[in-house]
Amino acid sequence: METDQDPTISHEPAIQSGSEIGNARIAGSFSYALIIDRGPSAGLTYVLGDGETLAGRSDDADIFLDDVTVSRRHARFLNETGMLLIEDLGSTNGTYINSERADQALLKPGDEVFIGKFRMRVVSGDE
């Protein structure tokens, strides 16, 4: 069977292992995004819209993190009035900001968020 499109999908992690984090800004019309630097989804970028974004292992999570180290409803990001807040939702393994456990924290570009095996970097956009 022939197809008109190449079904091959490839991606490269946003940061190679051992590299510097670099600029915490990427082009785009949004205020904040998360880049997954380490974990099963390395290389993916999630734009955080205004309001609440749920991260977890649940099928209804906005940021689906498929690993047993992540709770179904692990954490939520709240993007309001130019500020980005993260709140742990009582997860089993906790949420870490820049390697320190936090129940709630105000995030800024360059911060690292650790949820289970996933390391995400906060970046800002052009908005």
PDB file of N, CA and C in Angstrom:
ATOM      1  N   MET A   1       0.828  -1.166   0.000  1.00  0.00           N
ATOM      2  CA  MET A   1       0.000   0.000   0.000  1.00  0.00           C
ATOM      3  C   MET A   1       0.881   1.242   0.000  1.00  0.00           C
ATOM      4  N   GLU A   2       0.631   2.157  -0.907  1.00  0.00           N
ATOM      5  CA  GLU A   2       1.402   3.388  -0.990  1.00  0.00           C
ATOM      6  C   GLU A   2       0.642   4.525  -0.328  1.00  0.00           C
ATOM      7  N   THR A   3       1.396   5.441   0.256  1.00  0.00           N
ATOM      8  CA  THR A   3       0.778   6.623   0.850  1.00  0.00           C
ATOM      9  C   THR A   3       1.434   7.857   0.267  1.00  0.00           C
ATOM     10  N   ASP A   4       0.696   8.955   0.300  1.00  0.00           N
ATOM     11  CA  ASP A   4       1.231  10.215  -0.209  1.00  0.00           C
ATOM     12  C   ASP A   4       2.102  10.927   0.810  1.00  0.00           C
ATOM     13  N   GLN A   5       2.005  10.509   2.078  1.00  0.00           N
ATOM     14  CA  GLN A   5       2.750  11.181   3.135  1.00  0.00           C
ATOM     15  C   GLN A   5       3.676  10.201   3.822  1.00  0.00           C
ATOM     16  N   ASP A   6       4.767  10.700   4.295  1.00  0.00           N
ATOM     17  CA  ASP A   6       5.698   9.901   5.072  1.00  0.00           C
ATOM     18  C   ASP A   6       5.167   9.830   6.500  1.00  0.00           C
ATOM     19  N   PRO A   7       4.821   8.655   7.018  1.00  0.00           N
ATOM     20  CA  PRO A   7       4.238   8.560   8.354  1.00  0.00           C
ATOM     21  C   PRO A   7       5.266   8.681   9.481  1.00  0.00           C
ATOM     22  N   THR A   8       6.527   8.868   9.163  1.00  0.00           N
ATOM     23  CA  THR A   8       7.568   8.959  10.177  1.00  0.00           C
ATOM     24  C   THR A   8       7.438  10.249  10.970  1.00  0.00           C
ATOM     25  N   ILE A   9       7.490  10.117  12.279  1.00  0.00           N
ATOM     26  CA  ILE A   9       7.438  11.281  13.165  1.00  0.00           C
ATOM     27  C   ILE A   9       8.744  11.311  13.936  1.00  0.00           C
ATOM     28  N   SER A  10       9.342  12.467  14.021  1.00  0.00           N
ATOM     29  CA  SER A  10      10.558  12.584  14.814  1.00  0.00           C
ATOM     30  C   SER A  10      10.530  13.882  15.589  1.00  0.00           C
ATOM     31  N   HIS A  11      11.249  13.916  16.668  1.00  0.00           N
ATOM     32  CA  HIS A  11      11.429  15.150  17.430  1.00  0.00           C
ATOM     33  C   HIS A  11      12.756  15.063  18.154  1.00  0.00           C
ATOM     34  N   GLU A  12      13.278  16.209  18.478  1.00  0.00           N
ATOM     35  CA  GLU A  12      14.503  16.279  19.254  1.00  0.00           C
ATOM     36  C   GLU A  12      14.186  16.959  20.561  1.00  0.00           C
ATOM     37  N   PRO A  13      14.781  16.519  21.671  1.00  0.00           N
ATOM     38  CA  PRO A  13      14.572  17.227  22.926  1.00  0.00           C
ATOM     39  C   PRO A  13      14.965  18.693  22.788  1.00  0.00           C
ATOM     40  N   ALA A  14      14.259  19.550  23.500  1.00  0.00           N
ATOM     41  CA  ALA A  14      14.524  20.987  23.424  1.00  0.00           C
ATOM     42  C   ALA A  14      15.943  21.304  23.876  1.00  0.00           C
ATOM     43  N   ILE A  15      16.447  20.557  24.844  1.00  0.00           N
ATOM     44  CA  ILE A  15      17.805  20.766  25.348  1.00  0.00           C
ATOM     45  C   ILE A  15      18.473  19.400  25.418  1.00  0.00           C
ATOM     46  N   GLN A  16      19.643  19.293  24.877  1.00  0.00           N
ATOM     47  CA  GLN A  16      20.379  18.040  24.962  1.00  0.00           C
ATOM     48  C   GLN A  16      20.888  17.873  26.388  1.00  0.00           C
ATOM     49  N   SER A  17      21.030  16.654  26.815  1.00  0.00           N
ATOM     50  CA  SER A  17      21.496  16.363  28.159  1.00  0.00           C
ATOM     51  C   SER A  17      22.824  17.073  28.432  1.00  0.00           C
ATOM     52  N   GLY A  18      22.884  17.767  29.579  1.00  0.00           N
ATOM     53  CA  GLY A  18      24.102  18.461  29.966  1.00  0.00           C
ATOM     54  C   GLY A  18      24.225  19.863  29.402  1.00  0.00           C
ATOM     55  N   SER A  19      23.272  20.312  28.593  1.00  0.00           N
ATOM     56  CA  SER A  19      23.343  21.649  28.011  1.00  0.00           C
ATOM     57  C   SER A  19      22.846  22.694  28.988  1.00  0.00           C
ATOM     58  N   GLU A  20      23.213  23.927  28.724  1.00  0.00           N
ATOM     59  CA  GLU A  20      22.721  25.038  29.534  1.00  0.00           C
ATOM     60  C   GLU A  20      21.280  25.333  29.177  1.00  0.00           C
ATOM     61  N   ILE A  21      20.546  25.903  30.117  1.00  0.00           N
ATOM     62  CA  ILE A  21      19.143  26.237  29.874  1.00  0.00           C
ATOM     63  C   ILE A  21      19.027  27.342  28.847  1.00  0.00           C
ATOM     64  N   GLY A  22      19.882  28.318  28.885  1.00  0.00           N
ATOM     65  CA  GLY A  22      19.848  29.370  27.872  1.00  0.00           C
ATOM     66  C   GLY A  22      18.704  30.338  28.073  1.00  0.00           C
ATOM     67  N   ASN A  23      18.296  30.957  26.987  1.00  0.00           N
ATOM     68  CA  ASN A  23      17.273  31.985  27.018  1.00  0.00           C
ATOM     69  C   ASN A  23      15.932  31.400  27.449  1.00  0.00           C
ATOM     70  N   ALA A  24      15.260  32.073  28.368  1.00  0.00           N
ATOM     71  CA  ALA A  24      13.974  31.611  28.875  1.00  0.00           C
ATOM     72  C   ALA A  24      12.835  32.296  28.127  1.00  0.00           C
ATOM     73  N   ARG A  25      13.041  32.584  26.834  1.00  0.00           N
ATOM     74  CA  ARG A  25      12.043  33.227  25.976  1.00  0.00           C
ATOM     75  C   ARG A  25      11.988  32.503  24.648  1.00  0.00           C
ATOM     76  N   ILE A  26      10.764  32.320  24.156  1.00  0.00           N
ATOM     77  CA  ILE A  26      10.605  31.797  22.810  1.00  0.00           C
ATOM     78  C   ILE A  26       9.583  32.666  22.086  1.00  0.00           C
ATOM     79  N   ALA A  27       9.679  32.724  20.785  1.00  0.00           N
ATOM     80  CA  ALA A  27       8.794  33.570  20.001  1.00  0.00           C
ATOM     81  C   ALA A  27       7.378  33.003  20.004  1.00  0.00           C
ATOM     82  N   GLY A  28       6.400  33.886  20.070  1.00  0.00           N
ATOM     83  CA  GLY A  28       5.004  33.471  20.011  1.00  0.00           C
ATOM     84  C   GLY A  28       4.118  34.444  20.758  1.00  0.00           C
ATOM     85  N   SER A  29       2.863  34.438  20.406  1.00  0.00           N
ATOM     86  CA  SER A  29       1.901  35.354  21.010  1.00  0.00           C
ATOM     87  C   SER A  29       1.229  34.679  22.212  1.00  0.00           C
ATOM     88  N   PHE A  30       1.964  34.548  23.278  1.00  0.00           N
ATOM     89  CA  PHE A  30       1.471  33.977  24.529  1.00  0.00           C
ATOM     90  C   PHE A  30       2.321  34.550  25.651  1.00  0.00           C
ATOM     91  N   SER A  31       1.846  34.415  26.890  1.00  0.00           N
ATOM     92  CA  SER A  31       2.641  34.954  27.992  1.00  0.00           C
ATOM     93  C   SER A  31       3.600  33.916  28.571  1.00  0.00           C
ATOM     94  N   TYR A  32       3.141  32.654  28.748  1.00  0.00           N
ATOM     95  CA  TYR A  32       3.999  31.619  29.324  1.00  0.00           C
ATOM     96  C   TYR A  32       3.805  30.287  28.616  1.00  0.00           C
ATOM     97  N   ALA A  33       4.863  29.473  28.637  1.00  0.00           N
ATOM     98  CA  ALA A  33       4.805  28.105  28.122  1.00  0.00           C
ATOM     99  C   ALA A  33       5.725  27.236  28.970  1.00  0.00           C
ATOM    100  N   LEU A  34       5.528  25.931  28.872  1.00  0.00           N
ATOM    101  CA  LEU A  34       6.397  24.963  29.528  1.00  0.00           C
ATOM    102  C   LEU A  34       7.043  24.102  28.453  1.00  0.00           C
ATOM    103  N   ILE A  35       8.355  23.946  28.536  1.00  0.00           N
ATOM    104  CA  ILE A  35       9.083  23.060  27.632  1.00  0.00           C
ATOM    105  C   ILE A  35       9.526  21.861  28.460  1.00  0.00           C
ATOM    106  N   ILE A  36       9.162  20.666  28.017  1.00  0.00           N
ATOM    107  CA  ILE A  36       9.589  19.461  28.726  1.00  0.00           C
ATOM    108  C   ILE A  36      11.009  19.145  28.283  1.00  0.00           C
ATOM    109  N   ASP A  37      11.941  19.264  29.220  1.00  0.00           N
ATOM    110  CA  ASP A  37      13.356  19.039  28.937  1.00  0.00           C
ATOM    111  C   ASP A  37      13.784  17.609  29.214  1.00  0.00           C
ATOM    112  N   ARG A  38      13.092  16.943  30.165  1.00  0.00           N
ATOM    113  CA  ARG A  38      13.472  15.572  30.505  1.00  0.00           C
ATOM    114  C   ARG A  38      12.215  14.791  30.864  1.00  0.00           C
ATOM    115  N   GLY A  39      12.178  13.554  30.428  1.00  0.00           N
ATOM    116  CA  GLY A  39      11.035  12.691  30.685  1.00  0.00           C
ATOM    117  C   GLY A  39      10.557  12.085  29.388  1.00  0.00           C
ATOM    118  N   PRO A  40       9.554  11.237  29.465  1.00  0.00           N
ATOM    119  CA  PRO A  40       9.068  10.546  28.270  1.00  0.00           C
ATOM    120  C   PRO A  40       8.580  11.479  27.156  1.00  0.00           C
ATOM    121  N   SER A  41       8.227  12.709  27.476  1.00  0.00           N
ATOM    122  CA  SER A  41       7.721  13.646  26.460  1.00  0.00           C
ATOM    123  C   SER A  41       8.726  14.754  26.140  1.00  0.00           C
ATOM    124  N   ALA A  42      10.004  14.514  26.346  1.00  0.00           N
ATOM    125  CA  ALA A  42      11.030  15.541  26.123  1.00  0.00           C
ATOM    126  C   ALA A  42      10.899  16.141  24.729  1.00  0.00           C
ATOM    127  N   GLY A  43      10.960  17.469  24.684  1.00  0.00           N
ATOM    128  CA  GLY A  43      10.866  18.173  23.414  1.00  0.00           C
ATOM    129  C   GLY A  43       9.515  18.828  23.185  1.00  0.00           C
ATOM    130  N   LEU A  44       8.485  18.410  23.929  1.00  0.00           N
ATOM    131  CA  LEU A  44       7.169  19.012  23.761  1.00  0.00           C
ATOM    132  C   LEU A  44       7.088  20.367  24.464  1.00  0.00           C
ATOM    133  N   THR A  45       6.310  21.272  23.893  1.00  0.00           N
ATOM    134  CA  THR A  45       6.074  22.584  24.489  1.00  0.00           C
ATOM    135  C   THR A  45       4.576  22.753  24.703  1.00  0.00           C
ATOM    136  N   TYR A  46       4.187  23.188  25.887  1.00  0.00           N
ATOM    137  CA  TYR A  46       2.792  23.452  26.213  1.00  0.00           C
ATOM    138  C   TYR A  46       2.624  24.940  26.468  1.00  0.00           C
ATOM    139  N   VAL A  47       1.796  25.596  25.664  1.00  0.00           N
ATOM    140  CA  VAL A  47       1.476  27.003  25.883  1.00  0.00           C
ATOM    141  C   VAL A  47       0.431  27.066  26.977  1.00  0.00           C
ATOM    142  N   LEU A  48       0.652  27.919  27.976  1.00  0.00           N
ATOM    143  CA  LEU A  48      -0.281  28.063  29.079  1.00  0.00           C
ATOM    144  C   LEU A  48      -1.196  29.251  28.804  1.00  0.00           C
ATOM    145  N   GLY A  49      -2.436  28.964  28.483  1.00  0.00           N
ATOM    146  CA  GLY A  49      -3.404  30.018  28.217  1.00  0.00           C
ATOM    147  C   GLY A  49      -3.806  30.724  29.500  1.00  0.00           C
ATOM    148  N   ASP A  50      -4.621  31.743  29.372  1.00  0.00           N
ATOM    149  CA  ASP A  50      -5.133  32.446  30.551  1.00  0.00           C
ATOM    150  C   ASP A  50      -5.991  31.495  31.372  1.00  0.00           C
ATOM    151  N   GLY A  51      -5.946  31.647  32.674  1.00  0.00           N
ATOM    152  CA  GLY A  51      -6.742  30.797  33.552  1.00  0.00           C
ATOM    153  C   GLY A  51      -5.967  29.584  34.009  1.00  0.00           C
ATOM    154  N   GLU A  52      -6.704  28.492  34.251  1.00  0.00           N
ATOM    155  CA  GLU A  52      -6.146  27.289  34.854  1.00  0.00           C
ATOM    156  C   GLU A  52      -5.751  26.241  33.819  1.00  0.00           C
ATOM    157  N   THR A  53      -4.601  25.594  34.058  1.00  0.00           N
ATOM    158  CA  THR A  53      -4.141  24.474  33.244  1.00  0.00           C
ATOM    159  C   THR A  53      -3.797  23.340  34.205  1.00  0.00           C
ATOM    160  N   LEU A  54      -4.445  22.190  34.037  1.00  0.00           N
ATOM    161  CA  LEU A  54      -4.240  21.036  34.911  1.00  0.00           C
ATOM    162  C   LEU A  54      -3.151  20.130  34.337  1.00  0.00           C
ATOM    163  N   ALA A  55      -2.227  19.701  35.200  1.00  0.00           N
ATOM    164  CA  ALA A  55      -1.179  18.757  34.817  1.00  0.00           C
ATOM    165  C   ALA A  55      -1.347  17.487  35.629  1.00  0.00           C
ATOM    166  N   GLY A  56      -1.290  16.344  34.952  1.00  0.00           N
ATOM    167  CA  GLY A  56      -1.405  15.080  35.663  1.00  0.00           C
ATOM    168  C   GLY A  56      -1.543  13.904  34.733  1.00  0.00           C
ATOM    169  N   ARG A  57      -1.863  12.754  35.329  1.00  0.00           N
ATOM    170  CA  ARG A  57      -1.963  11.498  34.597  1.00  0.00           C
ATOM    171  C   ARG A  57      -3.398  11.183  34.170  1.00  0.00           C
ATOM    172  N   SER A  58      -4.334  12.027  34.555  1.00  0.00           N
ATOM    173  CA  SER A  58      -5.737  11.837  34.185  1.00  0.00           C
ATOM    174  C   SER A  58      -5.955  12.121  32.707  1.00  0.00           C
ATOM    175  N   ASP A  59      -6.894  11.407  32.096  1.00  0.00           N
ATOM    176  CA  ASP A  59      -7.204  11.634  30.684  1.00  0.00           C
ATOM    177  C   ASP A  59      -7.713  13.040  30.416  1.00  0.00           C
ATOM    178  N   ASP A  60      -8.284  13.692  31.414  1.00  0.00           N
ATOM    179  CA  ASP A  60      -8.809  15.046  31.207  1.00  0.00           C
ATOM    180  C   ASP A  60      -7.806  16.147  31.566  1.00  0.00           C
ATOM    181  N   ALA A  61      -6.551  15.769  31.874  1.00  0.00           N
ATOM    182  CA  ALA A  61      -5.521  16.770  32.180  1.00  0.00           C
ATOM    183  C   ALA A  61      -5.146  17.534  30.919  1.00  0.00           C
ATOM    184  N   ASP A  62      -4.948  18.839  31.046  1.00  0.00           N
ATOM    185  CA  ASP A  62      -4.512  19.660  29.918  1.00  0.00           C
ATOM    186  C   ASP A  62      -3.083  19.304  29.504  1.00  0.00           C
ATOM    187  N   ILE A  63      -2.252  19.021  30.510  1.00  0.00           N
ATOM    188  CA  ILE A  63      -0.882  18.562  30.272  1.00  0.00           C
ATOM    189  C   ILE A  63      -0.821  17.129  30.781  1.00  0.00           C
ATOM    190  N   PHE A  64      -0.907  16.179  29.854  1.00  0.00           N
ATOM    191  CA  PHE A  64      -0.951  14.762  30.200  1.00  0.00           C
ATOM    192  C   PHE A  64       0.469  14.257  30.392  1.00  0.00           C
ATOM    193  N   LEU A  65       0.784  13.826  31.610  1.00  0.00           N
ATOM    194  CA  LEU A  65       2.108  13.324  31.955  1.00  0.00           C
ATOM    195  C   LEU A  65       1.967  11.848  32.292  1.00  0.00           C
ATOM    196  N   ASP A  66       2.240  11.003  31.324  1.00  0.00           N
ATOM    197  CA  ASP A  66       1.970   9.577  31.414  1.00  0.00           C
ATOM    198  C   ASP A  66       3.102   8.832  32.105  1.00  0.00           C
ATOM    199  N   ASP A  67       3.041   8.786  33.426  1.00  0.00           N
ATOM    200  CA  ASP A  67       4.013   8.042  34.202  1.00  0.00           C
ATOM    201  C   ASP A  67       3.428   7.790  35.594  1.00  0.00           C
ATOM    202  N   VAL A  68       3.728   6.633  36.184  1.00  0.00           N
ATOM    203  CA  VAL A  68       3.168   6.292  37.496  1.00  0.00           C
ATOM    204  C   VAL A  68       3.669   7.203  38.619  1.00  0.00           C
ATOM    205  N   THR A  69       4.729   7.960  38.392  1.00  0.00           N
ATOM    206  CA  THR A  69       5.240   8.884  39.411  1.00  0.00           C
ATOM    207  C   THR A  69       4.416  10.177  39.474  1.00  0.00           C
ATOM    208  N   VAL A  70       3.457  10.319  38.565  1.00  0.00           N
ATOM    209  CA  VAL A  70       2.611  11.511  38.487  1.00  0.00           C
ATOM    210  C   VAL A  70       1.211  11.144  38.958  1.00  0.00           C
ATOM    211  N   SER A  71       0.632  11.971  39.838  1.00  0.00           N
ATOM    212  CA  SER A  71      -0.746  11.753  40.298  1.00  0.00           C
ATOM    213  C   SER A  71      -1.716  12.112  39.187  1.00  0.00           C
ATOM    214  N   ARG A  72      -2.927  11.578  39.290  1.00  0.00           N
ATOM    215  CA  ARG A  72      -3.929  11.853  38.248  1.00  0.00           C
ATOM    216  C   ARG A  72      -4.196  13.349  38.110  1.00  0.00           C
ATOM    217  N   ARG A  73      -4.385  14.017  39.218  1.00  0.00           N
ATOM    218  CA  ARG A  73      -4.536  15.482  39.246  1.00  0.00           C
ATOM    219  C   ARG A  73      -3.368  15.994  40.102  1.00  0.00           C
ATOM    220  N   HIS A  74      -2.238  16.178  39.476  1.00  0.00           N
ATOM    221  CA  HIS A  74      -0.994  16.441  40.202  1.00  0.00           C
ATOM    222  C   HIS A  74      -0.847  17.907  40.606  1.00  0.00           C
ATOM    223  N   ALA A  75      -0.962  18.799  39.637  1.00  0.00           N
ATOM    224  CA  ALA A  75      -0.740  20.225  39.913  1.00  0.00           C
ATOM    225  C   ALA A  75      -1.547  21.059  38.921  1.00  0.00           C
ATOM    226  N   ARG A  76      -1.746  22.310  39.284  1.00  0.00           N
ATOM    227  CA  ARG A  76      -2.403  23.220  38.347  1.00  0.00           C
ATOM    228  C   ARG A  76      -1.569  24.483  38.213  1.00  0.00           C
ATOM    229  N   PHE A  77      -1.572  25.014  37.008  1.00  0.00           N
ATOM    230  CA  PHE A  77      -0.914  26.282  36.713  1.00  0.00           C
ATOM    231  C   PHE A  77      -2.014  27.313  36.554  1.00  0.00           C
ATOM    232  N   LEU A  78      -1.836  28.468  37.155  1.00  0.00           N
ATOM    233  CA  LEU A  78      -2.808  29.541  37.046  1.00  0.00           C
ATOM    234  C   LEU A  78      -2.117  30.754  36.439  1.00  0.00           C
ATOM    235  N   ASN A  79      -2.550  31.123  35.234  1.00  0.00           N
ATOM    236  CA  ASN A  79      -1.963  32.237  34.490  1.00  0.00           C
ATOM    237  C   ASN A  79      -2.971  33.384  34.500  1.00  0.00           C
ATOM    238  N   GLU A  80      -2.723  34.370  35.343  1.00  0.00           N
ATOM    239  CA  GLU A  80      -3.623  35.513  35.466  1.00  0.00           C
ATOM    240  C   GLU A  80      -2.832  36.794  35.673  1.00  0.00           C
ATOM    241  N   THR A  81      -3.312  37.831  35.053  1.00  0.00           N
ATOM    242  CA  THR A  81      -2.757  39.189  35.181  1.00  0.00           C
ATOM    243  C   THR A  81      -1.231  39.222  35.057  1.00  0.00           C
ATOM    244  N   GLY A  82      -0.710  38.465  34.087  1.00  0.00           N
ATOM    245  CA  GLY A  82       0.725  38.504  33.827  1.00  0.00           C
ATOM    246  C   GLY A  82       1.574  37.740  34.816  1.00  0.00           C
ATOM    247  N   MET A  83       0.943  36.988  35.721  1.00  0.00           N
ATOM    248  CA  MET A  83       1.688  36.188  36.696  1.00  0.00           C
ATOM    249  C   MET A  83       1.335  34.724  36.503  1.00  0.00           C
ATOM    250  N   LEU A  84       2.305  33.845  36.774  1.00  0.00           N
ATOM    251  CA  LEU A  84       2.096  32.413  36.658  1.00  0.00           C
ATOM    252  C   LEU A  84       2.324  31.761  38.015  1.00  0.00           C
ATOM    253  N   LEU A  85       1.286  31.092  38.497  1.00  0.00           N
ATOM    254  CA  LEU A  85       1.326  30.432  39.797  1.00  0.00           C
ATOM    255  C   LEU A  85       1.166  28.931  39.581  1.00  0.00           C
ATOM    256  N   ILE A  86       1.885  28.121  40.363  1.00  0.00           N
ATOM    257  CA  ILE A  86       1.687  26.680  40.350  1.00  0.00           C
ATOM    258  C   ILE A  86       1.236  26.263  41.740  1.00  0.00           C
ATOM    259  N   GLU A  87       0.310  25.285  41.766  1.00  0.00           N
ATOM    260  CA  GLU A  87      -0.195  24.770  43.027  1.00  0.00           C
ATOM    261  C   GLU A  87      -0.232  23.249  42.946  1.00  0.00           C
ATOM    262  N   ASP A  88       0.417  22.588  43.912  1.00  0.00           N
ATOM    263  CA  ASP A  88       0.351  21.135  44.000  1.00  0.00           C
ATOM    264  C   ASP A  88      -1.040  20.770  44.515  1.00  0.00           C
ATOM    265  N   LEU A  89      -1.661  19.766  43.928  1.00  0.00           N
ATOM    266  CA  LEU A  89      -3.031  19.390  44.294  1.00  0.00           C
ATOM    267  C   LEU A  89      -3.067  18.180  45.220  1.00  0.00           C
ATOM    268  N   GLY A  90      -2.122  18.119  46.156  1.00  0.00           N
ATOM    269  CA  GLY A  90      -2.058  17.013  47.104  1.00  0.00           C
ATOM    270  C   GLY A  90      -1.487  15.746  46.493  1.00  0.00           C
ATOM    271  N   SER A  91      -0.564  15.905  45.564  1.00  0.00           N
ATOM    272  CA  SER A  91       0.035  14.763  44.867  1.00  0.00           C
ATOM    273  C   SER A  91       0.825  13.885  45.839  1.00  0.00           C
ATOM    274  N   THR A  92       0.993  12.636  45.461  1.00  0.00           N
ATOM    275  CA  THR A  92       1.738  11.684  46.285  1.00  0.00           C
ATOM    276  C   THR A  92       3.224  12.021  46.330  1.00  0.00           C
ATOM    277  N   ASN A  93       3.829  12.330  45.177  1.00  0.00           N
ATOM    278  CA  ASN A  93       5.278  12.547  45.095  1.00  0.00           C
ATOM    279  C   ASN A  93       5.700  14.003  45.136  1.00  0.00           C
ATOM    280  N   GLY A  94       4.756  14.928  45.188  1.00  0.00           N
ATOM    281  CA  GLY A  94       5.086  16.343  45.318  1.00  0.00           C
ATOM    282  C   GLY A  94       5.450  17.011  44.004  1.00  0.00           C
ATOM    283  N   THR A  95       5.508  18.325  44.076  1.00  0.00           N
ATOM    284  CA  THR A  95       5.904  19.176  42.962  1.00  0.00           C
ATOM    285  C   THR A  95       7.133  19.961  43.415  1.00  0.00           C
ATOM    286  N   TYR A  96       8.131  20.040  42.561  1.00  0.00           N
ATOM    287  CA  TYR A  96       9.382  20.706  42.912  1.00  0.00           C
ATOM    288  C   TYR A  96       9.644  21.870  41.961  1.00  0.00           C
ATOM    289  N   ILE A  97      10.041  22.990  42.544  1.00  0.00           N
ATOM    290  CA  ILE A  97      10.409  24.179  41.781  1.00  0.00           C
ATOM    291  C   ILE A  97      11.884  24.428  42.043  1.00  0.00           C
ATOM    292  N   ASN A  98      12.692  24.403  40.980  1.00  0.00           N
ATOM    293  CA  ASN A  98      14.139  24.595  41.120  1.00  0.00           C
ATOM    294  C   ASN A  98      14.718  23.687  42.209  1.00  0.00           C
ATOM    295  N   SER A  99      14.291  22.420  42.203  1.00  0.00           N
ATOM    296  CA  SER A  99      14.763  21.354  43.096  1.00  0.00           C
ATOM    297  C   SER A  99      14.272  21.451  44.530  1.00  0.00           C
ATOM    298  N   GLU A 100      13.344  22.362  44.843  1.00  0.00           N
ATOM    299  CA  GLU A 100      12.793  22.461  46.192  1.00  0.00           C
ATOM    300  C   GLU A 100      11.302  22.170  46.154  1.00  0.00           C
ATOM    301  N   ARG A 101      10.863  21.305  47.075  1.00  0.00           N
ATOM    302  CA  ARG A 101       9.442  20.949  47.119  1.00  0.00           C
ATOM    303  C   ARG A 101       8.611  22.182  47.462  1.00  0.00           C
ATOM    304  N   ALA A 102       7.488  22.324  46.765  1.00  0.00           N
ATOM    305  CA  ALA A 102       6.631  23.495  46.982  1.00  0.00           C
ATOM    306  C   ALA A 102       5.166  23.100  46.830  1.00  0.00           C
ATOM    307  N   ASP A 103       4.339  23.569  47.754  1.00  0.00           N
ATOM    308  CA  ASP A 103       2.892  23.376  47.636  1.00  0.00           C
ATOM    309  C   ASP A 103       2.298  24.413  46.697  1.00  0.00           C
ATOM    310  N   GLN A 104       2.933  25.587  46.693  1.00  0.00           N
ATOM    311  CA  GLN A 104       2.479  26.687  45.840  1.00  0.00           C
ATOM    312  C   GLN A 104       3.679  27.610  45.593  1.00  0.00           C
ATOM    313  N   ALA A 105       3.766  28.144  44.384  1.00  0.00           N
ATOM    314  CA  ALA A 105       4.891  29.036  44.077  1.00  0.00           C
ATOM    315  C   ALA A 105       4.535  29.943  42.910  1.00  0.00           C
ATOM    316  N   LEU A 106       5.106  31.123  42.931  1.00  0.00           N
ATOM    317  CA  LEU A 106       5.020  32.053  41.814  1.00  0.00           C
ATOM    318  C   LEU A 106       6.182  31.721  40.887  1.00  0.00           C
ATOM    319  N   LEU A 107       5.889  31.473  39.612  1.00  0.00           N
ATOM    320  CA  LEU A 107       6.921  31.064  38.663  1.00  0.00           C
ATOM    321  C   LEU A 107       7.364  32.231  37.800  1.00  0.00           C
ATOM    322  N   LYS A 108       8.612  32.148  37.346  1.00  0.00           N
ATOM    323  CA  LYS A 108       9.145  33.149  36.414  1.00  0.00           C
ATOM    324  C   LYS A 108       9.921  32.423  35.322  1.00  0.00           C
ATOM    325  N   PRO A 109      10.131  33.065  34.186  1.00  0.00           N
ATOM    326  CA  PRO A 109      10.887  32.425  33.113  1.00  0.00           C
ATOM    327  C   PRO A 109      12.252  31.934  33.599  1.00  0.00           C
ATOM    328  N   GLY A 110      12.587  30.721  33.213  1.00  0.00           N
ATOM    329  CA  GLY A 110      13.846  30.110  33.627  1.00  0.00           C
ATOM    330  C   GLY A 110      13.682  29.130  34.774  1.00  0.00           C
ATOM    331  N   ASP A 111      12.564  29.209  35.514  1.00  0.00           N
ATOM    332  CA  ASP A 111      12.329  28.266  36.606  1.00  0.00           C
ATOM    333  C   ASP A 111      12.149  26.860  36.052  1.00  0.00           C
ATOM    334  N   GLU A 112      12.583  25.876  36.828  1.00  0.00           N
ATOM    335  CA  GLU A 112      12.388  24.476  36.472  1.00  0.00           C
ATOM    336  C   GLU A 112      11.311  23.881  37.372  1.00  0.00           C
ATOM    337  N   VAL A 113      10.382  23.178  36.759  1.00  0.00           N
ATOM    338  CA  VAL A 113       9.299  22.514  37.477  1.00  0.00           C
ATOM    339  C   VAL A 113       9.509  21.013  37.306  1.00  0.00           C
ATOM    340  N   PHE A 114       9.557  20.291  38.420  1.00  0.00           N
ATOM    341  CA  PHE A 114       9.729  18.840  38.398  1.00  0.00           C
ATOM    342  C   PHE A 114       8.440  18.199  38.883  1.00  0.00           C
ATOM    343  N   ILE A 115       7.817  17.409  38.025  1.00  0.00           N
ATOM    344  CA  ILE A 115       6.639  16.626  38.368  1.00  0.00           C
ATOM    345  C   ILE A 115       6.953  15.192  37.980  1.00  0.00           C
ATOM    346  N   GLY A 116       7.126  14.333  38.981  1.00  0.00           N
ATOM    347  CA  GLY A 116       7.525  12.957  38.707  1.00  0.00           C
ATOM    348  C   GLY A 116       8.837  12.931  37.946  1.00  0.00           C
ATOM    349  N   LYS A 117       8.889  12.182  36.838  1.00  0.00           N
ATOM    350  CA  LYS A 117      10.101  12.080  36.026  1.00  0.00           C
ATOM    351  C   LYS A 117      10.258  13.241  35.054  1.00  0.00           C
ATOM    352  N   PHE A 118       9.308  14.151  35.035  1.00  0.00           N
ATOM    353  CA  PHE A 118       9.290  15.219  34.037  1.00  0.00           C
ATOM    354  C   PHE A 118       9.946  16.484  34.579  1.00  0.00           C
ATOM    355  N   ARG A 119      10.898  17.011  33.805  1.00  0.00           N
ATOM    356  CA  ARG A 119      11.501  18.308  34.124  1.00  0.00           C
ATOM    357  C   ARG A 119      11.035  19.283  33.056  1.00  0.00           C
ATOM    358  N   MET A 120      10.353  20.337  33.502  1.00  0.00           N
ATOM    359  CA  MET A 120       9.823  21.346  32.589  1.00  0.00           C
ATOM    360  C   MET A 120      10.443  22.687  32.895  1.00  0.00           C
ATOM    361  N   ARG A 121      10.655  23.458  31.858  1.00  0.00           N
ATOM    362  CA  ARG A 121      11.244  24.785  32.001  1.00  0.00           C
ATOM    363  C   ARG A 121      10.193  25.816  31.633  1.00  0.00           C
ATOM    364  N   VAL A 122      10.047  26.835  32.469  1.00  0.00           N
ATOM    365  CA  VAL A 122       9.115  27.927  32.219  1.00  0.00           C
ATOM    366  C   VAL A 122       9.774  28.916  31.270  1.00  0.00           C
ATOM    367  N   VAL A 123       9.072  29.263  30.188  1.00  0.00           N
ATOM    368  CA  VAL A 123       9.568  30.263  29.258  1.00  0.00           C
ATOM    369  C   VAL A 123       8.458  31.286  29.029  1.00  0.00           C
ATOM    370  N   SER A 124       8.868  32.474  28.607  1.00  0.00           N
ATOM    371  CA  SER A 124       7.876  33.510  28.293  1.00  0.00           C
ATOM    372  C   SER A 124       7.835  33.707  26.786  1.00  0.00           C
ATOM    373  N   GLY A 125       6.710  34.234  26.338  1.00  0.00           N
ATOM    374  CA  GLY A 125       6.532  34.505  24.920  1.00  0.00           C
ATOM    375  C   GLY A 125       6.562  35.998  24.652  1.00  0.00           C
ATOM    376  N   ASP A 126       6.001  36.415  23.529  1.00  0.00           N
ATOM    377  CA  ASP A 126       6.029  37.811  23.117  1.00  0.00           C
ATOM    378  C   ASP A 126       4.852  38.639  23.633  1.00  0.00           C
ATOM    379  N   GLU A 127       3.928  38.009  24.302  1.00  0.00           N
ATOM    380  CA  GLU A 127       2.712  38.717  24.739  1.00  0.00           C
ATOM    381  C   GLU A 127       2.986  39.645  25.893  1.00  0.00           C
TER     382      GLU A 127
END
